[in-house]
Amino acid sequence: MSTVYRKTSKGVAEVETRSHRLPPRMRSVLIMVDGRRGRNDLAQMLGAQTDESLQSLQDQGFIEVLPGSAPASTSASVPVPAAPAATTPTATPAPAAGRAPRGRAAAAPPPRRPAAG
């Protein structure tokens, strides 16, 4: 099982407000962290320097290891305290109404049927 990361409240706030002005690479990694994808999945999508980026985001408090997701060898040597669920949302906020998420086209409206004549 691959280590799974989730955004902390600081990470969620950064995605929403860009208040910490993360470099584009770090911001991309932060956006990809969703509490479901493991380190291996993220590495496949993001390529080189994934581990360094994840470690940096974790050190800065933007992400944390999802409790129970770390491999046995890692979890035994580095205990990770569980954070209260109310203070660390795991889901990425939904886009504003009427707007498609970045990088995705909005769904096309259904085709119109000709008027009966």
N, C-alpha and C. Protein backbone atom coordinates (compact mmCIF):
# COMPACT_ATOMS: atom_id res chain seq x y z
N MET A 1 0.84 -1.19 0.00
CA MET A 1 0.00 0.00 0.00
C MET A 1 0.88 1.24 0.00
N SER A 2 0.57 2.17 -0.85
CA SER A 2 1.32 3.42 -0.99
C SER A 2 0.82 4.43 0.04
N THR A 3 1.72 5.29 0.52
CA THR A 3 1.34 6.34 1.46
C THR A 3 0.38 7.30 0.78
N VAL A 4 -0.71 7.63 1.47
CA VAL A 4 -1.72 8.55 0.94
C VAL A 4 -1.63 9.85 1.73
N TYR A 5 -1.66 10.96 1.03
CA TYR A 5 -1.59 12.28 1.65
C TYR A 5 -2.92 12.98 1.48
N ARG A 6 -3.20 13.90 2.42
CA ARG A 6 -4.38 14.75 2.30
C ARG A 6 -3.98 16.18 2.65
N LYS A 7 -4.76 17.14 2.15
CA LYS A 7 -4.49 18.54 2.45
C LYS A 7 -4.88 18.83 3.90
N THR A 8 -4.12 19.68 4.54
CA THR A 8 -4.50 20.20 5.85
C THR A 8 -5.39 21.41 5.60
N SER A 9 -5.90 22.03 6.65
CA SER A 9 -6.70 23.24 6.47
C SER A 9 -5.86 24.33 5.82
N LYS A 10 -4.56 24.38 6.14
CA LYS A 10 -3.65 25.34 5.50
C LYS A 10 -3.53 25.05 4.00
N GLY A 11 -3.47 23.77 3.63
CA GLY A 11 -3.38 23.39 2.23
C GLY A 11 -4.64 23.75 1.46
N VAL A 12 -5.79 23.50 2.06
CA VAL A 12 -7.07 23.85 1.41
C VAL A 12 -7.14 25.35 1.21
N ALA A 13 -6.75 26.12 2.24
CA ALA A 13 -6.77 27.58 2.13
C ALA A 13 -5.84 28.06 1.04
N GLU A 14 -4.68 27.43 0.90
CA GLU A 14 -3.72 27.83 -0.15
C GLU A 14 -4.30 27.59 -1.53
N VAL A 15 -4.98 26.48 -1.74
CA VAL A 15 -5.59 26.21 -3.04
C VAL A 15 -6.65 27.26 -3.35
N GLU A 16 -7.41 27.65 -2.34
CA GLU A 16 -8.49 28.61 -2.55
C GLU A 16 -8.00 30.05 -2.71
N THR A 17 -6.98 30.45 -1.95
CA THR A 17 -6.60 31.86 -1.89
C THR A 17 -5.22 32.20 -2.44
N ARG A 18 -4.35 31.21 -2.60
CA ARG A 18 -2.97 31.43 -3.05
C ARG A 18 -2.21 32.39 -2.12
N SER A 19 -2.57 32.41 -0.86
CA SER A 19 -1.98 33.36 0.09
C SER A 19 -0.51 33.12 0.37
N HIS A 20 -0.02 31.90 0.21
CA HIS A 20 1.38 31.60 0.48
C HIS A 20 2.25 31.66 -0.78
N ARG A 21 1.62 31.89 -1.91
CA ARG A 21 2.32 32.06 -3.20
C ARG A 21 3.32 30.92 -3.47
N LEU A 22 2.82 29.70 -3.42
CA LEU A 22 3.67 28.55 -3.74
C LEU A 22 4.13 28.62 -5.19
N PRO A 23 5.33 28.11 -5.47
CA PRO A 23 5.77 28.03 -6.87
C PRO A 23 4.81 27.12 -7.65
N PRO A 24 4.69 27.31 -8.96
CA PRO A 24 3.74 26.53 -9.76
C PRO A 24 3.86 25.02 -9.57
N ARG A 25 5.08 24.49 -9.54
CA ARG A 25 5.28 23.05 -9.36
C ARG A 25 4.68 22.58 -8.03
N MET A 26 4.96 23.30 -6.95
CA MET A 26 4.46 22.91 -5.63
C MET A 26 2.93 23.03 -5.58
N ARG A 27 2.40 24.07 -6.19
CA ARG A 27 0.95 24.24 -6.22
C ARG A 27 0.28 23.09 -6.98
N SER A 28 0.88 22.68 -8.09
CA SER A 28 0.34 21.55 -8.86
C SER A 28 0.31 20.28 -8.02
N VAL A 29 1.39 20.02 -7.30
CA VAL A 29 1.43 18.84 -6.44
C VAL A 29 0.36 18.96 -5.36
N LEU A 30 0.24 20.13 -4.74
CA LEU A 30 -0.77 20.33 -3.69
C LEU A 30 -2.17 20.08 -4.22
N ILE A 31 -2.45 20.55 -5.41
CA ILE A 31 -3.78 20.36 -6.00
C ILE A 31 -4.06 18.88 -6.25
N MET A 32 -3.04 18.12 -6.64
CA MET A 32 -3.21 16.70 -6.93
C MET A 32 -3.43 15.85 -5.67
N VAL A 33 -2.99 16.34 -4.53
CA VAL A 33 -3.18 15.61 -3.27
C VAL A 33 -4.66 15.70 -2.91
N ASP A 34 -5.31 14.52 -2.81
CA ASP A 34 -6.75 14.52 -2.59
C ASP A 34 -7.23 13.56 -1.51
N GLY A 35 -6.31 12.93 -0.81
CA GLY A 35 -6.72 12.00 0.25
C GLY A 35 -7.09 10.62 -0.28
N ARG A 36 -6.99 10.40 -1.58
CA ARG A 36 -7.29 9.10 -2.18
C ARG A 36 -6.11 8.55 -2.96
N ARG A 37 -5.39 9.41 -3.66
CA ARG A 37 -4.25 8.96 -4.46
C ARG A 37 -3.05 8.68 -3.56
N GLY A 38 -2.40 7.58 -3.83
CA GLY A 38 -1.19 7.24 -3.08
C GLY A 38 0.04 7.89 -3.69
N ARG A 39 1.16 7.80 -2.98
CA ARG A 39 2.42 8.36 -3.45
C ARG A 39 2.80 7.82 -4.82
N ASN A 40 2.59 6.53 -5.03
CA ASN A 40 2.93 5.93 -6.32
C ASN A 40 2.10 6.51 -7.46
N ASP A 41 0.81 6.72 -7.21
CA ASP A 41 -0.06 7.32 -8.23
C ASP A 41 0.38 8.75 -8.54
N LEU A 42 0.69 9.51 -7.49
CA LEU A 42 1.14 10.89 -7.69
C LEU A 42 2.45 10.92 -8.46
N ALA A 43 3.36 10.00 -8.15
CA ALA A 43 4.65 9.95 -8.85
C ALA A 43 4.46 9.66 -10.33
N GLN A 44 3.51 8.79 -10.67
CA GLN A 44 3.24 8.48 -12.08
C GLN A 44 2.70 9.71 -12.81
N MET A 45 1.86 10.48 -12.14
CA MET A 45 1.26 11.66 -12.77
C MET A 45 2.22 12.84 -12.82
N LEU A 46 3.03 12.99 -11.78
CA LEU A 46 3.85 14.19 -11.64
C LEU A 46 5.30 14.02 -12.06
N GLY A 47 5.78 12.78 -12.12
CA GLY A 47 7.14 12.54 -12.58
C GLY A 47 8.20 12.83 -11.53
N ALA A 48 9.33 13.36 -12.00
CA ALA A 48 10.50 13.58 -11.16
C ALA A 48 10.21 14.53 -10.01
N GLN A 49 10.93 14.35 -8.94
CA GLN A 49 10.90 15.19 -7.75
C GLN A 49 9.59 15.14 -6.98
N THR A 50 8.78 14.11 -7.20
CA THR A 50 7.53 13.99 -6.46
C THR A 50 7.78 13.86 -4.97
N ASP A 51 8.72 12.99 -4.59
CA ASP A 51 8.99 12.78 -3.16
C ASP A 51 9.47 14.05 -2.49
N GLU A 52 10.35 14.80 -3.16
CA GLU A 52 10.85 16.05 -2.59
C GLU A 52 9.72 17.06 -2.43
N SER A 53 8.85 17.13 -3.42
CA SER A 53 7.72 18.07 -3.35
C SER A 53 6.77 17.70 -2.23
N LEU A 54 6.44 16.41 -2.13
CA LEU A 54 5.54 15.96 -1.07
C LEU A 54 6.15 16.24 0.30
N GLN A 55 7.44 15.96 0.45
CA GLN A 55 8.10 16.19 1.74
C GLN A 55 8.10 17.67 2.09
N SER A 56 8.37 18.52 1.11
CA SER A 56 8.38 19.96 1.35
C SER A 56 6.99 20.46 1.76
N LEU A 57 5.95 20.01 1.04
CA LEU A 57 4.59 20.40 1.40
C LEU A 57 4.21 19.92 2.79
N GLN A 58 4.67 18.72 3.14
CA GLN A 58 4.39 18.18 4.47
C GLN A 58 5.14 18.99 5.54
N ASP A 59 6.41 19.29 5.28
CA ASP A 59 7.21 20.07 6.23
C ASP A 59 6.62 21.46 6.47
N GLN A 60 6.02 22.03 5.44
CA GLN A 60 5.43 23.37 5.55
C GLN A 60 4.00 23.36 6.09
N GLY A 61 3.44 22.16 6.30
CA GLY A 61 2.11 22.05 6.89
C GLY A 61 0.95 22.13 5.91
N PHE A 62 1.22 21.96 4.61
CA PHE A 62 0.14 22.00 3.62
C PHE A 62 -0.55 20.65 3.45
N ILE A 63 0.18 19.56 3.69
CA ILE A 63 -0.39 18.21 3.57
C ILE A 63 0.05 17.38 4.77
N GLU A 64 -0.63 16.25 4.95
CA GLU A 64 -0.27 15.30 6.00
C GLU A 64 -0.55 13.89 5.49
N VAL A 65 0.09 12.92 6.12
CA VAL A 65 -0.14 11.53 5.77
C VAL A 65 -1.50 11.12 6.32
N LEU A 66 -2.30 10.47 5.50
CA LEU A 66 -3.59 9.97 5.94
C LEU A 66 -3.34 8.84 6.91
N PRO A 67 -3.83 8.93 8.14
CA PRO A 67 -3.57 7.88 9.13
C PRO A 67 -3.97 6.51 8.61
N GLY A 68 -3.08 5.53 8.83
CA GLY A 68 -3.34 4.16 8.41
C GLY A 68 -2.93 3.86 6.98
N SER A 69 -2.43 4.86 6.24
CA SER A 69 -2.08 4.61 4.85
C SER A 69 -0.61 4.34 4.63
N ALA A 70 0.23 4.68 5.59
CA ALA A 70 1.67 4.52 5.41
C ALA A 70 2.04 3.04 5.42
N PRO A 71 3.02 2.65 4.58
CA PRO A 71 3.49 1.26 4.61
C PRO A 71 4.01 0.91 6.00
N ALA A 72 3.99 -0.35 6.36
CA ALA A 72 4.37 -0.79 7.70
C ALA A 72 5.76 -0.31 8.09
N SER A 73 6.73 -0.36 7.17
CA SER A 73 8.08 0.04 7.51
C SER A 73 8.17 1.53 7.81
N THR A 74 7.37 2.36 7.14
CA THR A 74 7.39 3.80 7.38
C THR A 74 6.61 4.16 8.63
N SER A 75 5.44 3.57 8.81
CA SER A 75 4.61 3.95 9.94
C SER A 75 5.25 3.54 11.27
N ALA A 76 6.07 2.50 11.27
CA ALA A 76 6.72 2.08 12.51
C ALA A 76 7.82 3.06 12.90
N SER A 77 8.49 3.67 11.93
CA SER A 77 9.59 4.55 12.25
C SER A 77 9.18 6.02 12.38
N VAL A 78 8.09 6.41 11.73
CA VAL A 78 7.63 7.79 11.80
C VAL A 78 6.15 7.82 12.15
N PRO A 79 5.82 7.89 13.43
CA PRO A 79 4.40 7.93 13.80
C PRO A 79 3.76 9.24 13.35
N VAL A 80 2.54 9.16 12.86
CA VAL A 80 1.81 10.32 12.39
C VAL A 80 0.55 10.47 13.23
N PRO A 81 0.44 11.55 14.01
CA PRO A 81 -0.75 11.72 14.82
C PRO A 81 -1.97 12.00 13.96
N ALA A 82 -3.10 11.48 14.36
CA ALA A 82 -4.35 11.70 13.62
C ALA A 82 -4.87 13.09 13.97
N ALA A 83 -5.31 13.81 12.94
CA ALA A 83 -5.87 15.14 13.14
C ALA A 83 -7.39 15.04 13.16
N PRO A 84 -8.05 15.91 13.90
CA PRO A 84 -9.52 15.88 13.92
C PRO A 84 -10.07 16.13 12.52
N ALA A 85 -11.06 15.36 12.14
CA ALA A 85 -11.62 15.46 10.79
C ALA A 85 -12.23 16.83 10.53
N ALA A 86 -12.77 17.47 11.55
CA ALA A 86 -13.45 18.75 11.37
C ALA A 86 -12.48 19.86 10.97
N THR A 87 -11.20 19.74 11.34
CA THR A 87 -10.26 20.82 11.04
C THR A 87 -9.45 20.57 9.77
N THR A 88 -9.52 19.36 9.21
CA THR A 88 -8.73 19.06 8.02
C THR A 88 -9.62 18.42 6.96
N PRO A 89 -10.29 19.24 6.15
CA PRO A 89 -11.14 18.67 5.11
C PRO A 89 -10.31 17.86 4.13
N THR A 90 -10.88 16.75 3.66
CA THR A 90 -10.16 15.89 2.73
C THR A 90 -10.60 16.10 1.29
N ALA A 91 -11.72 16.73 1.09
CA ALA A 91 -12.22 16.91 -0.27
C ALA A 91 -11.81 18.27 -0.81
N THR A 92 -11.59 18.33 -2.09
CA THR A 92 -11.30 19.59 -2.75
C THR A 92 -12.62 20.31 -2.97
N PRO A 93 -12.67 21.62 -2.69
CA PRO A 93 -13.93 22.35 -2.83
C PRO A 93 -14.47 22.28 -4.26
N ALA A 94 -15.79 22.27 -4.38
CA ALA A 94 -16.44 22.23 -5.68
C ALA A 94 -16.29 23.57 -6.38
N PRO A 95 -16.26 23.59 -7.71
CA PRO A 95 -16.15 24.86 -8.44
C PRO A 95 -17.42 25.68 -8.26
N ALA A 96 -17.32 26.98 -8.48
CA ALA A 96 -18.46 27.86 -8.37
C ALA A 96 -19.53 27.45 -9.38
N ALA A 97 -20.78 27.71 -9.04
CA ALA A 97 -21.89 27.33 -9.91
C ALA A 97 -21.73 27.97 -11.28
N GLY A 98 -21.98 27.19 -12.31
CA GLY A 98 -21.93 27.69 -13.67
C GLY A 98 -20.53 27.71 -14.27
N ARG A 99 -19.53 27.28 -13.51
CA ARG A 99 -18.16 27.29 -14.02
C ARG A 99 -17.63 25.87 -14.01
N ALA A 100 -16.95 25.50 -15.07
CA ALA A 100 -16.34 24.17 -15.16
C ALA A 100 -15.02 24.20 -14.40
N PRO A 101 -14.61 23.07 -13.81
CA PRO A 101 -13.31 23.02 -13.15
C PRO A 101 -12.21 23.32 -14.15
N ARG A 102 -11.09 23.88 -13.66
CA ARG A 102 -9.96 24.20 -14.54
C ARG A 102 -9.50 22.97 -15.28
N GLY A 103 -9.20 23.14 -16.56
CA GLY A 103 -8.68 22.04 -17.35
C GLY A 103 -9.73 21.11 -17.90
N ARG A 104 -10.96 21.39 -17.60
CA ARG A 104 -12.04 20.53 -18.10
C ARG A 104 -13.08 21.41 -18.79
N ALA A 105 -13.59 20.95 -19.87
CA ALA A 105 -14.63 21.68 -20.58
C ALA A 105 -15.98 21.45 -19.89
N ALA A 106 -16.82 22.43 -19.94
CA ALA A 106 -18.16 22.28 -19.39
C ALA A 106 -18.94 21.29 -20.24
N ALA A 107 -19.86 20.57 -19.61
CA ALA A 107 -20.68 19.59 -20.33
C ALA A 107 -21.59 20.34 -21.32
N ALA A 108 -21.73 19.79 -22.50
CA ALA A 108 -22.58 20.39 -23.51
C ALA A 108 -24.05 20.17 -23.14
N PRO A 109 -24.91 21.15 -23.44
CA PRO A 109 -26.33 20.96 -23.16
C PRO A 109 -26.90 19.87 -24.07
N PRO A 110 -27.99 19.23 -23.66
CA PRO A 110 -28.57 18.18 -24.49
C PRO A 110 -29.06 18.76 -25.82
N PRO A 111 -29.06 17.95 -26.89
CA PRO A 111 -29.51 18.45 -28.20
C PRO A 111 -30.99 18.79 -28.16
N ARG A 112 -31.35 19.81 -28.93
CA ARG A 112 -32.76 20.21 -29.00
C ARG A 112 -33.50 19.35 -29.99
N ARG A 113 -34.73 19.07 -29.69
CA ARG A 113 -35.55 18.26 -30.59
C ARG A 113 -36.36 19.20 -31.47
N PRO A 114 -36.56 18.83 -32.74
CA PRO A 114 -37.35 19.69 -33.64
C PRO A 114 -38.82 19.76 -33.15
N ALA A 115 -39.40 20.90 -33.36
CA ALA A 115 -40.80 21.11 -32.94
C ALA A 115 -41.73 20.24 -33.77
N ALA A 116 -42.73 19.69 -33.11
CA ALA A 116 -43.70 18.85 -33.82
C ALA A 116 -44.55 19.74 -34.71
N GLY A 117 -44.81 19.30 -35.91
CA GLY A 117 -45.45 20.19 -36.85
C GLY A 117 -46.65 19.70 -37.44
